[in-house]
């Protein structure tokens, strides 16, 4: 049973990777709304709903680099949700408030 499960997971992963060739995807991000002293922001899965109609090839929680945030309760944290999508869908994602992930963040 476990071997079948592993085979199924590997097949799904390889099928997803085969759908887009190298250089055809890009990463976009959006601040997750987390505030200092107030806990976590919007989850990766919840925010991904904002990208409905756009195929997401990967998703992860990250943080902005080289950006400083003052240490104050209620202040921003720089916590972001990052999504890998097809380059062809970038304008749609930007219209929904997502931005291109800068090179230094990758």
N, C-alpha and C. Protein backbone atom coordinates (compact mmCIF):
# COMPACT_ATOMS: atom_id res chain seq x y z
N UNK A 1 0.83 -1.20 0.00
CA UNK A 1 0.00 0.00 0.00
C UNK A 1 0.87 1.26 0.00
N UNK A 2 1.91 1.26 0.84
CA UNK A 2 2.78 2.43 0.94
C UNK A 2 3.51 2.66 -0.39
N UNK A 3 3.93 1.57 -1.05
CA UNK A 3 4.63 1.70 -2.33
C UNK A 3 3.72 2.33 -3.38
N UNK A 4 2.44 1.97 -3.36
CA UNK A 4 1.49 2.54 -4.32
C UNK A 4 1.32 4.03 -4.06
N UNK A 5 1.26 4.41 -2.78
CA UNK A 5 1.10 5.82 -2.42
C UNK A 5 2.32 6.62 -2.89
N UNK A 6 3.50 6.09 -2.65
CA UNK A 6 4.73 6.78 -3.07
C UNK A 6 4.77 6.92 -4.59
N UNK A 7 4.41 5.85 -5.29
CA UNK A 7 4.39 5.90 -6.76
C UNK A 7 3.39 6.93 -7.26
N UNK A 8 2.24 7.02 -6.62
CA UNK A 8 1.22 8.00 -7.01
C UNK A 8 1.73 9.42 -6.81
N UNK A 9 2.35 9.67 -5.67
CA UNK A 9 2.88 11.01 -5.38
C UNK A 9 3.97 11.38 -6.38
N UNK A 10 4.88 10.45 -6.65
CA UNK A 10 5.95 10.73 -7.62
C UNK A 10 5.39 10.99 -9.01
N UNK A 11 4.40 10.22 -9.41
CA UNK A 11 3.78 10.42 -10.73
C UNK A 11 3.14 11.79 -10.84
N UNK A 12 2.42 12.19 -9.80
CA UNK A 12 1.77 13.50 -9.81
C UNK A 12 2.80 14.62 -9.85
N UNK A 13 3.87 14.47 -9.09
CA UNK A 13 4.92 15.49 -9.07
C UNK A 13 5.59 15.61 -10.43
N UNK A 14 5.93 14.49 -11.04
CA UNK A 14 6.58 14.52 -12.35
C UNK A 14 5.66 15.06 -13.43
N UNK A 15 4.39 14.73 -13.34
CA UNK A 15 3.42 15.24 -14.32
C UNK A 15 3.30 16.75 -14.22
N UNK A 16 3.30 17.27 -13.00
CA UNK A 16 3.20 18.72 -12.80
C UNK A 16 4.43 19.42 -13.35
N UNK A 17 5.60 18.82 -13.14
CA UNK A 17 6.84 19.42 -13.62
C UNK A 17 6.91 19.42 -15.14
N UNK A 18 6.35 18.43 -15.76
CA UNK A 18 6.42 18.30 -17.21
C UNK A 18 5.52 19.31 -17.92
N UNK A 19 4.60 19.91 -17.21
CA UNK A 19 3.63 20.80 -17.83
C UNK A 19 4.23 22.11 -18.32
N UNK A 20 5.34 22.56 -17.70
CA UNK A 20 5.96 23.83 -18.07
C UNK A 20 7.46 23.61 -18.19
N UNK A 21 8.04 24.08 -19.27
CA UNK A 21 9.48 23.92 -19.45
C UNK A 21 10.23 25.02 -18.71
N UNK A 22 11.53 24.80 -18.50
CA UNK A 22 12.37 25.79 -17.82
C UNK A 22 12.27 27.14 -18.51
N UNK A 23 12.26 28.19 -17.73
CA UNK A 23 12.20 29.52 -18.29
C UNK A 23 10.80 30.01 -18.60
N UNK A 24 9.81 29.16 -18.43
CA UNK A 24 8.44 29.54 -18.73
C UNK A 24 7.65 29.95 -17.49
N UNK A 25 8.27 29.85 -16.31
CA UNK A 25 7.58 30.23 -15.08
C UNK A 25 8.28 31.41 -14.44
N UNK A 26 7.58 32.04 -13.54
CA UNK A 26 8.10 33.18 -12.80
C UNK A 26 7.47 33.16 -11.41
N UNK A 27 8.12 33.80 -10.46
CA UNK A 27 7.57 33.84 -9.11
C UNK A 27 6.97 35.21 -8.82
N UNK A 28 5.79 35.18 -8.24
CA UNK A 28 5.11 36.39 -7.79
C UNK A 28 4.88 36.26 -6.29
N UNK A 29 4.68 37.40 -5.63
CA UNK A 29 4.47 37.35 -4.19
C UNK A 29 3.48 38.42 -3.76
N UNK A 30 3.04 38.27 -2.52
CA UNK A 30 2.17 39.26 -1.89
C UNK A 30 2.41 39.19 -0.39
N UNK A 31 2.47 40.34 0.27
CA UNK A 31 2.59 40.35 1.73
C UNK A 31 1.43 39.58 2.33
N UNK A 32 1.70 38.80 3.37
CA UNK A 32 0.63 37.98 3.95
C UNK A 32 -0.17 38.70 5.02
N UNK A 33 0.18 39.95 5.32
CA UNK A 33 -0.58 40.73 6.28
C UNK A 33 -0.22 40.48 7.74
N UNK A 34 0.82 39.68 7.99
CA UNK A 34 1.23 39.41 9.38
C UNK A 34 1.68 40.71 10.04
N UNK A 35 1.35 40.84 11.31
CA UNK A 35 1.72 42.01 12.10
C UNK A 35 2.48 41.56 13.34
N UNK A 36 3.49 42.32 13.72
CA UNK A 36 4.26 42.01 14.92
C UNK A 36 3.33 42.00 16.14
N UNK A 37 3.55 41.05 17.02
CA UNK A 37 2.78 40.87 18.27
C UNK A 37 1.36 40.36 18.03
N UNK A 38 0.99 40.07 16.79
CA UNK A 38 -0.39 39.68 16.50
C UNK A 38 -0.51 38.31 15.85
N UNK A 39 0.57 37.60 15.66
CA UNK A 39 0.49 36.26 15.08
C UNK A 39 0.65 36.25 13.58
N UNK A 40 0.38 35.08 13.02
CA UNK A 40 0.61 34.84 11.59
C UNK A 40 -0.40 35.57 10.71
N UNK A 41 0.00 35.76 9.47
CA UNK A 41 -0.88 36.38 8.48
C UNK A 41 -1.66 35.32 7.72
N UNK A 42 -2.04 35.65 6.50
CA UNK A 42 -2.83 34.76 5.65
C UNK A 42 -1.96 33.59 5.21
N UNK A 43 -2.50 32.39 5.29
CA UNK A 43 -1.75 31.20 4.89
C UNK A 43 -1.52 31.17 3.38
N UNK A 44 -0.52 30.41 2.98
CA UNK A 44 -0.21 30.24 1.55
C UNK A 44 -1.43 29.68 0.82
N UNK A 45 -2.07 28.68 1.42
CA UNK A 45 -3.22 28.03 0.79
C UNK A 45 -4.41 28.98 0.65
N UNK A 46 -4.66 29.77 1.68
CA UNK A 46 -5.79 30.70 1.64
C UNK A 46 -5.57 31.78 0.58
N UNK A 47 -4.37 32.35 0.54
CA UNK A 47 -4.09 33.41 -0.43
C UNK A 47 -4.09 32.87 -1.86
N UNK A 48 -3.75 31.60 -2.03
CA UNK A 48 -3.71 31.02 -3.38
C UNK A 48 -5.08 31.09 -4.04
N UNK A 49 -6.14 31.16 -3.25
CA UNK A 49 -7.49 31.28 -3.80
C UNK A 49 -7.64 32.56 -4.62
N UNK A 50 -6.85 33.58 -4.28
CA UNK A 50 -6.88 34.84 -5.04
C UNK A 50 -6.34 34.66 -6.46
N UNK A 51 -5.65 33.56 -6.68
CA UNK A 51 -5.10 33.27 -8.01
C UNK A 51 -5.97 32.27 -8.77
N UNK A 52 -7.23 32.15 -8.38
CA UNK A 52 -8.10 31.19 -9.06
C UNK A 52 -8.13 31.48 -10.56
N UNK A 53 -8.07 30.42 -11.34
CA UNK A 53 -8.01 30.56 -12.79
C UNK A 53 -6.59 30.65 -13.33
N UNK A 54 -5.61 30.77 -12.43
CA UNK A 54 -4.19 30.78 -12.80
C UNK A 54 -3.57 29.52 -12.23
N UNK A 55 -2.89 28.75 -13.07
CA UNK A 55 -2.26 27.53 -12.57
C UNK A 55 -1.04 27.89 -11.73
N UNK A 56 -0.99 27.34 -10.52
CA UNK A 56 0.12 27.56 -9.60
C UNK A 56 0.97 26.29 -9.57
N UNK A 57 2.25 26.43 -9.89
CA UNK A 57 3.15 25.28 -9.96
C UNK A 57 3.90 25.06 -8.65
N UNK A 58 3.92 26.05 -7.80
CA UNK A 58 4.59 25.93 -6.51
C UNK A 58 4.16 27.08 -5.62
N UNK A 59 4.17 26.84 -4.31
CA UNK A 59 3.77 27.88 -3.36
C UNK A 59 4.58 27.70 -2.08
N UNK A 60 4.99 28.82 -1.48
CA UNK A 60 5.76 28.75 -0.24
C UNK A 60 5.65 30.04 0.55
N UNK A 61 5.90 29.92 1.84
CA UNK A 61 5.98 31.07 2.74
C UNK A 61 7.43 31.54 2.73
N UNK A 62 7.66 32.84 2.71
CA UNK A 62 9.01 33.38 2.71
C UNK A 62 8.99 34.74 3.42
N UNK A 63 10.07 35.47 3.31
CA UNK A 63 10.16 36.80 3.91
C UNK A 63 10.99 37.68 2.99
N UNK A 64 10.64 38.95 2.92
CA UNK A 64 11.41 39.89 2.12
C UNK A 64 12.81 40.01 2.69
N UNK A 65 13.81 40.04 1.82
CA UNK A 65 15.20 40.18 2.22
C UNK A 65 15.63 41.63 2.00
N UNK A 66 16.62 42.05 2.76
CA UNK A 66 17.19 43.39 2.60
C UNK A 66 16.16 44.50 2.80
N UNK A 67 15.12 44.22 3.58
CA UNK A 67 14.11 45.23 3.91
C UNK A 67 14.00 45.26 5.43
N UNK A 68 14.08 46.44 6.00
CA UNK A 68 14.00 46.56 7.46
C UNK A 68 12.60 47.00 7.88
N UNK A 69 12.15 46.44 8.98
CA UNK A 69 10.87 46.82 9.56
C UNK A 69 11.11 47.23 11.00
N UNK A 70 10.60 48.40 11.42
CA UNK A 70 10.79 48.84 12.80
C UNK A 70 10.14 47.84 13.75
N UNK A 71 10.78 47.59 14.88
CA UNK A 71 10.24 46.68 15.89
C UNK A 71 9.17 47.41 16.69
N UNK A 72 7.92 47.19 16.31
CA UNK A 72 6.80 47.84 16.98
C UNK A 72 5.56 46.96 16.82
N UNK A 73 4.85 46.75 17.91
CA UNK A 73 3.64 45.94 17.83
C UNK A 73 2.68 46.55 16.81
N UNK A 74 2.15 45.71 15.95
CA UNK A 74 1.25 46.17 14.90
C UNK A 74 1.97 46.51 13.60
N UNK A 75 3.30 46.54 13.64
CA UNK A 75 4.08 46.83 12.44
C UNK A 75 4.20 45.63 11.54
N UNK A 76 4.54 45.87 10.30
CA UNK A 76 4.70 44.79 9.33
C UNK A 76 5.87 43.89 9.67
N UNK A 77 5.88 42.71 9.05
CA UNK A 77 6.93 41.72 9.32
C UNK A 77 7.75 41.38 8.08
N UNK A 78 7.26 41.68 6.92
CA UNK A 78 7.95 41.28 5.70
C UNK A 78 7.66 39.85 5.29
N UNK A 79 6.74 39.21 5.98
CA UNK A 79 6.36 37.84 5.65
C UNK A 79 5.51 37.85 4.37
N UNK A 80 5.90 37.00 3.42
CA UNK A 80 5.23 36.97 2.12
C UNK A 80 4.84 35.54 1.73
N UNK A 81 3.89 35.46 0.84
CA UNK A 81 3.52 34.20 0.20
C UNK A 81 4.00 34.28 -1.24
N UNK A 82 4.73 33.26 -1.68
CA UNK A 82 5.35 33.24 -3.00
C UNK A 82 4.72 32.13 -3.84
N UNK A 83 4.40 32.44 -5.08
CA UNK A 83 3.76 31.48 -5.99
C UNK A 83 4.53 31.43 -7.30
N UNK A 84 4.73 30.23 -7.81
CA UNK A 84 5.34 30.03 -9.11
C UNK A 84 4.22 29.82 -10.12
N UNK A 85 4.18 30.70 -11.13
CA UNK A 85 3.13 30.64 -12.14
C UNK A 85 3.76 30.76 -13.53
N UNK A 86 2.99 30.52 -14.56
CA UNK A 86 3.47 30.69 -15.93
C UNK A 86 3.69 32.18 -16.21
N UNK A 87 4.74 32.48 -16.96
CA UNK A 87 5.02 33.88 -17.32
C UNK A 87 3.83 34.52 -18.02
N UNK A 88 3.10 33.73 -18.77
CA UNK A 88 1.95 34.25 -19.52
C UNK A 88 0.85 34.76 -18.60
N UNK A 89 0.85 34.36 -17.33
CA UNK A 89 -0.20 34.75 -16.39
C UNK A 89 0.19 35.90 -15.47
N UNK A 90 1.38 36.47 -15.67
CA UNK A 90 1.87 37.52 -14.77
C UNK A 90 0.94 38.72 -14.71
N UNK A 91 0.46 39.20 -15.84
CA UNK A 91 -0.41 40.39 -15.84
C UNK A 91 -1.69 40.13 -15.04
N UNK A 92 -2.24 38.93 -15.16
CA UNK A 92 -3.43 38.59 -14.38
C UNK A 92 -3.13 38.63 -12.89
N UNK A 93 -1.99 38.07 -12.49
CA UNK A 93 -1.61 38.06 -11.08
C UNK A 93 -1.37 39.48 -10.57
N UNK A 94 -0.71 40.30 -11.37
CA UNK A 94 -0.45 41.69 -10.98
C UNK A 94 -1.76 42.46 -10.82
N UNK A 95 -2.72 42.18 -11.65
CA UNK A 95 -4.02 42.85 -11.53
C UNK A 95 -4.72 42.48 -10.23
N UNK A 96 -4.31 41.37 -9.63
CA UNK A 96 -4.89 40.91 -8.36
C UNK A 96 -4.04 41.30 -7.16
N UNK A 97 -3.05 42.16 -7.40
CA UNK A 97 -2.25 42.69 -6.30
C UNK A 97 -0.94 41.97 -6.03
N UNK A 98 -0.56 41.03 -6.86
CA UNK A 98 0.70 40.32 -6.69
C UNK A 98 1.79 41.07 -7.45
N UNK A 99 3.03 40.91 -6.97
CA UNK A 99 4.17 41.57 -7.60
C UNK A 99 5.21 40.52 -7.98
N UNK A 100 6.06 40.86 -8.95
CA UNK A 100 7.15 39.96 -9.32
C UNK A 100 8.14 39.87 -8.16
N UNK A 101 8.60 38.67 -7.87
CA UNK A 101 9.60 38.49 -6.82
C UNK A 101 10.94 38.96 -7.36
N UNK A 102 11.59 39.93 -6.70
CA UNK A 102 12.88 40.42 -7.18
C UNK A 102 13.93 39.31 -7.22
N UNK A 103 14.91 39.44 -8.09
CA UNK A 103 15.97 38.43 -8.24
C UNK A 103 16.66 38.12 -6.92
N UNK A 104 16.92 39.14 -6.09
CA UNK A 104 17.64 38.90 -4.84
C UNK A 104 16.81 38.12 -3.82
N UNK A 105 15.54 37.94 -4.07
CA UNK A 105 14.66 37.20 -3.16
C UNK A 105 14.59 35.72 -3.53
N UNK A 106 15.08 35.34 -4.69
CA UNK A 106 14.95 33.95 -5.16
C UNK A 106 16.04 33.07 -4.63
